[in-house]
């Protein structure tokens, strides 16, 4: 296939994630203030979009308390730094089982919520973008299943649309793209369509280039797309995504390291991505340009209650 390089690239910074990384690096932000400050630093470094989860401020464990999302949202919007806010809606769909025989009931560690609860923070905070994980898959990190049935995805997407929030599809394998295309065909996910290709997340799509190009080739030509590679290949995927025609994602959700033995900050990862993008002849675009491309509405600071 011919080279279809993207020369107008936006960077998303995935600030903290929901993985068990909180004790592996002092730079992984925990509290709403730390998450917001790290997001703002990433924006100053060149990220047009910040993708945010929240964590328990004391333990650092992943959380989905709407009050924590509200504080993160308020702090980012009250800052003098312009950035597109992207909140996860991926929490509340995790099933654990106790061993391999007691399969009729979920284990105590499971976190399952209905559609209204899963998007409550999105409805309240109204970010410009929120994520929709378009499929169910096994996760290697803690032997659990991320559950997203077609019915649940349709319900969540309707609620997101009613809130005026642009959906970012998260696709962890080609089947997720197949389902996403059906949801777009049904009008459940409106245009302009945005998809994030998630590479190297066990047990989703592996991060080899053949699989990556299979993912890219399954993205319709009129969709906007971005991609990331987990761990040590994060920066390699910055270059690969731009050369294949996409945008890029970096950040501590996906990778903790700047160099061998050197723990990164979010701002440092964004700075390196900027250098890579510009070194191959592309330009990093601004939040305002992203809003124009994706037809986003910039939100004012939340009203105090």
Protein backbone atom coordinates (compact mmCIF):
# COMPACT_ATOMS: atom_id res chain seq x y z
CA UNK A 1 0.00 0.00 0.00
CA UNK A 2 1.25 3.56 -0.62
CA UNK A 3 2.50 5.69 2.25
CA UNK A 4 -0.32 7.87 3.56
CA UNK A 5 1.48 9.97 6.15
CA UNK A 6 -0.51 12.33 8.34
CA UNK A 7 1.14 15.74 8.34
CA UNK A 8 -1.32 17.40 10.76
CA UNK A 9 -1.14 15.31 13.93
CA UNK A 10 -2.83 15.67 17.30
CA UNK A 11 -1.39 14.16 20.45
CA UNK A 12 -3.50 12.62 23.19
CA UNK A 13 -1.91 12.16 26.60
CA UNK A 14 -3.41 9.30 28.66
CA UNK A 15 -2.61 10.72 32.06
CA UNK A 16 -3.03 7.96 34.66
CA UNK A 17 -5.20 5.02 33.52
CA UNK A 18 -6.77 2.29 35.64
CA UNK A 19 -3.95 -0.22 35.78
CA UNK A 20 -2.01 -1.20 38.87
CA UNK A 21 0.84 1.21 38.17
CA UNK A 22 0.36 3.54 41.11
CA UNK A 23 3.18 1.99 43.14
CA UNK A 24 5.57 1.50 40.23
CA UNK A 25 6.36 5.15 39.60
CA UNK A 26 6.13 8.26 41.77
CA UNK A 27 5.03 10.18 38.68
CA UNK A 28 1.70 8.32 38.31
CA UNK A 29 -0.83 10.89 39.58
CA UNK A 30 -3.38 9.80 42.18
CA UNK A 31 -5.38 12.73 43.56
CA UNK A 32 -7.58 14.95 41.40
CA UNK A 33 -5.10 17.79 41.89
CA UNK A 34 -2.18 15.62 40.77
CA UNK A 35 -4.12 14.27 37.78
CA UNK A 36 -5.22 17.75 36.69
CA UNK A 37 -1.75 19.23 37.15
CA UNK A 38 -0.16 16.40 35.15
CA UNK A 39 -2.76 16.89 32.41
CA UNK A 40 -2.06 20.62 32.32
CA UNK A 41 1.70 20.00 32.12
CA UNK A 42 1.10 17.58 29.24
CA UNK A 43 -0.97 20.21 27.44
CA UNK A 44 1.79 22.77 27.87
CA UNK A 45 4.19 20.23 26.36
CA UNK A 46 2.04 19.84 23.23
CA UNK A 47 -0.86 17.47 23.95
CA UNK A 48 -4.08 18.73 22.38
CA UNK A 49 -6.18 16.11 24.21
CA UNK A 50 -5.89 14.72 27.74
CA UNK A 51 -7.53 11.37 28.49
CA UNK A 52 -8.31 11.05 32.20
CA UNK A 53 -9.25 8.31 34.64
CA UNK A 54 -9.46 8.94 38.38
CA UNK A 55 -7.92 7.10 41.33
CA UNK A 56 -8.49 6.84 45.06
CA UNK A 57 -6.36 9.71 46.38
CA UNK A 58 -5.10 7.64 49.32
CA UNK A 59 -4.39 4.24 47.78
CA UNK A 60 -3.98 5.16 44.12
CA UNK A 61 -6.33 2.35 43.13
CA UNK A 62 -8.63 3.01 40.16
CA UNK A 63 -11.95 4.61 41.04
CA UNK A 64 -15.08 5.90 39.32
CA UNK A 65 -16.46 8.37 41.85
CA UNK A 66 -18.17 11.22 39.96
CA UNK A 67 -16.96 13.69 42.59
CA UNK A 68 -13.35 12.87 41.70
CA UNK A 69 -14.08 13.37 37.99
CA UNK A 70 -15.79 16.66 38.76
CA UNK A 71 -12.76 17.94 40.64
CA UNK A 72 -10.39 16.93 37.83
CA UNK A 73 -12.68 18.60 35.30
CA UNK A 74 -12.99 21.80 37.33
CA UNK A 75 -9.24 22.08 37.85
CA UNK A 76 -8.43 21.60 34.16
CA UNK A 77 -11.11 23.98 32.95
CA UNK A 78 -10.23 26.62 35.55
CA UNK A 79 -6.60 26.63 34.41
CA UNK A 80 -5.28 29.08 31.85
CA UNK A 81 -4.20 26.18 29.60
CA UNK A 82 -6.38 25.20 26.66
CA UNK A 83 -6.82 21.44 26.16
CA UNK A 84 -9.53 19.06 24.96
CA UNK A 85 -10.83 16.97 27.87
CA UNK A 86 -11.46 13.26 27.25
CA UNK A 87 -12.88 11.22 30.17
CA UNK A 88 -12.95 7.45 30.27
CA UNK A 89 -16.26 5.60 30.44
CA UNK A 90 -14.53 2.23 30.62
CA UNK A 91 -14.99 1.57 34.33
CA UNK A 92 -17.78 -0.53 35.81
CA UNK A 93 -17.59 -3.51 33.45
CA UNK A 94 -15.06 -5.82 35.11
CA UNK A 95 -15.84 -9.43 36.04
CA UNK A 96 -13.62 -11.55 38.26
CA UNK A 97 -14.31 -15.15 39.19
CA UNK A 98 -13.17 -17.06 42.26
CA UNK A 99 -11.13 -19.81 40.66
CA UNK A 100 -12.28 -21.92 37.73
CA UNK A 101 -15.17 -23.90 39.26
CA UNK A 102 -17.37 -21.28 40.95
CA UNK A 103 -18.53 -19.78 37.66
CA UNK A 104 -22.21 -19.12 38.45
CA UNK A 105 -21.50 -15.96 40.40
CA UNK A 106 -19.09 -13.06 40.05
CA UNK A 107 -16.21 -12.85 42.48
CA UNK A 108 -16.13 -10.19 45.19
CA UNK A 109 -13.60 -8.08 43.29
CA UNK A 110 -15.96 -7.60 40.34
CA UNK A 111 -17.09 -4.08 39.49
CA UNK A 112 -20.22 -4.20 37.38
CA UNK A 113 -22.55 -1.23 36.92
CA UNK A 114 -25.48 -0.36 34.70
CA UNK A 115 -25.28 2.05 31.78
CA UNK A 116 -26.59 5.06 33.73
CA UNK A 117 -24.01 4.60 36.48
CA UNK A 118 -21.17 3.98 34.04
CA UNK A 119 -21.75 7.31 32.29
CA UNK A 120 -22.93 9.37 35.28
CA UNK A 121 -19.69 11.36 35.40
CA UNK A 122 -19.87 12.00 31.66
CA UNK A 123 -23.43 13.33 31.93
CA UNK A 124 -22.44 15.55 34.86
CA UNK A 125 -19.06 16.84 33.66
CA UNK A 126 -19.78 16.93 29.91
CA UNK A 127 -16.23 16.52 28.62
CA UNK A 128 -15.69 17.21 24.95
CA UNK A 129 -14.83 13.52 24.36
CA UNK A 130 -15.42 10.29 26.26
CA UNK A 131 -14.39 6.72 25.47
CA UNK A 132 -16.50 3.72 24.49
CA UNK A 133 -14.71 0.35 24.60
CA UNK A 134 -16.35 -1.43 21.68
CA UNK A 135 -16.03 -5.03 22.81
CA UNK A 136 -15.50 -7.60 25.53
CA UNK A 137 -12.04 -9.06 26.13
CA UNK A 138 -9.85 -10.96 28.58
CA UNK A 139 -7.31 -8.87 30.50
CA UNK A 140 -4.05 -10.44 31.56
CA UNK A 141 -3.23 -7.96 34.31
CA UNK A 142 -5.49 -9.54 36.94
CA UNK A 143 -7.29 -12.46 35.20
CA UNK A 144 -10.54 -10.62 34.60
CA UNK A 145 -12.95 -9.97 31.76
CA UNK A 146 -13.81 -6.48 30.50
CA UNK A 147 -17.50 -6.79 29.62
CA UNK A 148 -19.18 -4.56 27.04
CA UNK A 149 -22.23 -6.18 25.46
CA UNK A 150 -23.74 -4.69 22.30
CA UNK A 151 -26.82 -3.65 24.25
CA UNK A 152 -24.76 -1.94 26.93
CA UNK A 153 -22.71 -0.09 24.31
CA UNK A 154 -25.83 1.13 22.53
CA UNK A 155 -27.34 2.36 25.81
CA UNK A 156 -24.14 4.13 26.91
CA UNK A 157 -23.67 5.72 23.49
CA UNK A 158 -27.20 7.14 23.48
CA UNK A 159 -26.57 8.73 26.89
CA UNK A 160 -23.24 10.15 25.69
CA UNK A 161 -24.87 11.64 22.60
CA UNK A 162 -27.68 13.24 24.62
CA UNK A 163 -25.01 14.92 26.74
CA UNK A 164 -23.39 16.41 23.64
CA UNK A 165 -20.16 14.46 24.12
CA UNK A 166 -18.13 13.13 21.17
CA UNK A 167 -17.49 9.38 21.41
CA UNK A 168 -13.98 8.02 21.03
CA UNK A 169 -14.21 4.34 20.14
CA UNK A 170 -11.53 2.26 21.83
CA UNK A 171 -10.75 -0.82 19.72
CA UNK A 172 -8.57 -3.56 21.17
CA UNK A 173 -8.98 -5.95 18.23
CA UNK A 174 -10.42 -6.08 14.71
CA UNK A 175 -13.74 -7.49 15.96
CA UNK A 176 -14.21 -4.35 18.02
CA UNK A 177 -13.91 -2.30 14.84
CA UNK A 178 -16.48 -4.56 13.19
CA UNK A 179 -18.96 -3.85 15.99
CA UNK A 180 -18.10 -0.14 15.97
CA UNK A 181 -18.86 0.06 12.25
CA UNK A 182 -22.27 -1.47 12.92
CA UNK A 183 -22.98 1.10 15.66
CA UNK A 184 -22.00 3.89 13.26
CA UNK A 185 -24.22 2.39 10.55
CA UNK A 186 -27.13 2.37 13.02
CA UNK A 187 -26.47 6.01 13.89
CA UNK A 188 -25.68 5.16 17.51
CA UNK A 189 -22.19 6.64 17.08
CA UNK A 190 -22.47 9.86 15.03
CA UNK A 191 -19.99 11.45 12.64
CA UNK A 192 -17.29 12.60 12.77
CA UNK A 193 -16.16 9.22 14.07
CA UNK A 194 -13.02 8.96 16.20
CA UNK A 195 -11.31 5.68 17.07
CA UNK A 196 -8.30 4.81 19.22
CA UNK A 197 -6.41 1.67 18.16
CA UNK A 198 -5.09 -0.02 21.31
CA UNK A 199 -2.07 -2.15 20.52
CA UNK A 200 -0.22 -4.59 22.74
CA UNK A 201 -2.79 -4.83 25.57
CA UNK A 202 -2.88 -8.50 26.65
CA UNK A 203 -5.06 -10.19 25.39
CA UNK A 204 -6.14 -7.85 22.64
CA UNK A 205 -4.36 -7.08 19.39
CA UNK A 206 -0.60 -7.73 19.66
CA UNK A 207 1.65 -4.83 18.79
CA UNK A 208 3.37 -6.28 15.73
CA UNK A 209 3.18 -4.20 12.57
CA UNK A 210 1.19 -6.76 10.57
CA UNK A 211 -1.59 -6.69 13.16
CA UNK A 212 -1.35 -2.92 13.41
CA UNK A 213 -1.85 -2.52 9.67
CA UNK A 214 -4.76 -4.97 9.79
CA UNK A 215 -6.33 -2.65 12.36
CA UNK A 216 -5.55 0.45 10.31
CA UNK A 217 -6.95 -1.13 7.15
CA UNK A 218 -10.22 -1.87 8.98
CA UNK A 219 -10.75 1.81 9.83
CA UNK A 220 -13.10 3.47 7.31
CA UNK A 221 -11.42 6.22 5.31
CA UNK A 222 -13.77 8.92 6.63
CA UNK A 223 -13.00 8.22 10.30
CA UNK A 224 -10.39 10.00 12.40
CA UNK A 225 -8.05 7.60 14.17
CA UNK A 226 -5.23 7.48 16.63
CA UNK A 227 -3.12 4.66 18.05
CA UNK A 228 -0.84 3.71 20.89
CA UNK A 229 1.48 0.84 21.74
CA UNK A 230 1.73 -0.37 25.31
CA UNK A 231 5.03 -0.24 27.18
CA UNK A 232 8.43 -0.12 25.52
CA UNK A 233 7.00 0.33 22.02
CA UNK A 234 5.08 3.51 22.84
CA UNK A 235 7.39 5.83 20.90
CA UNK A 236 7.76 3.40 18.01
CA UNK A 237 3.99 3.61 17.61
CA UNK A 238 4.15 7.40 17.51
CA UNK A 239 6.19 7.11 14.31
CA UNK A 240 4.19 4.16 12.95
CA UNK A 241 0.86 5.92 13.50
CA UNK A 242 1.92 9.12 11.78
CA UNK A 243 3.40 7.23 8.81
CA UNK A 244 0.21 5.16 8.48
CA UNK A 245 -1.98 8.29 8.45
CA UNK A 246 -3.09 8.55 12.07
CA UNK A 247 -2.71 10.55 15.24
CA UNK A 248 -0.90 9.47 18.39
CA UNK A 249 -1.36 8.74 22.07
CA UNK A 250 1.31 8.67 24.75
CA UNK A 251 1.22 8.90 28.54
CA UNK A 252 1.67 7.09 31.82
CA UNK A 253 -1.50 5.02 31.35
CA UNK A 254 0.36 3.09 28.67
CA UNK A 255 4.06 3.39 29.53
CA UNK A 256 6.06 4.47 32.60
CA UNK A 257 9.51 4.83 31.02
CA UNK A 258 11.31 7.58 29.13
CA UNK A 259 14.49 5.56 28.64
CA UNK A 260 15.89 2.36 30.09
CA UNK A 261 15.98 2.89 33.84
CA UNK A 262 14.51 6.40 33.60
CA UNK A 263 10.93 6.90 34.78
CA UNK A 264 8.94 9.42 32.75
CA UNK A 265 6.48 12.17 33.47
CA UNK A 266 3.53 12.75 31.18
CA UNK A 267 5.04 16.02 29.96
CA UNK A 268 8.31 14.31 29.06
CA UNK A 269 6.49 11.65 27.04
CA UNK A 270 4.56 14.33 25.16
CA UNK A 271 7.74 16.33 24.52
CA UNK A 272 9.42 13.27 23.03
CA UNK A 273 6.38 12.57 20.85
CA UNK A 274 6.47 16.17 19.59
CA UNK A 275 10.14 15.78 18.68
CA UNK A 276 9.47 12.53 16.79
CA UNK A 277 6.49 13.92 14.91
CA UNK A 278 8.29 17.06 13.84
CA UNK A 279 11.46 15.18 12.92
CA UNK A 280 9.59 13.20 10.24
CA UNK A 281 8.08 16.33 8.72
CA UNK A 282 4.65 16.52 10.36
CA UNK A 283 3.12 19.28 12.48
CA UNK A 284 1.53 18.95 15.93
CA UNK A 285 -1.86 20.66 15.87
CA UNK A 286 -3.57 22.67 18.60
CA UNK A 287 -6.68 22.01 20.70
CA UNK A 288 -8.58 24.57 18.63
CA UNK A 289 -7.70 22.71 15.43
CA UNK A 290 -8.81 19.42 16.99
CA UNK A 291 -12.14 20.99 17.91
CA UNK A 292 -12.63 22.09 14.31
CA UNK A 293 -11.70 18.67 12.96
CA UNK A 294 -13.95 16.74 15.36
CA UNK A 295 -16.73 19.35 15.63
CA UNK A 296 -16.29 19.70 19.38
CA UNK A 297 -17.82 22.30 21.65
CA UNK A 298 -15.40 23.90 24.09
CA UNK A 299 -16.89 23.74 27.57
CA UNK A 300 -16.94 26.56 30.09
CA UNK A 301 -15.87 25.86 33.69
CA UNK A 302 -18.46 23.86 35.65
CA UNK A 303 -20.93 25.82 37.73
CA UNK A 304 -20.10 25.61 41.43
CA UNK A 305 -22.66 23.88 43.62
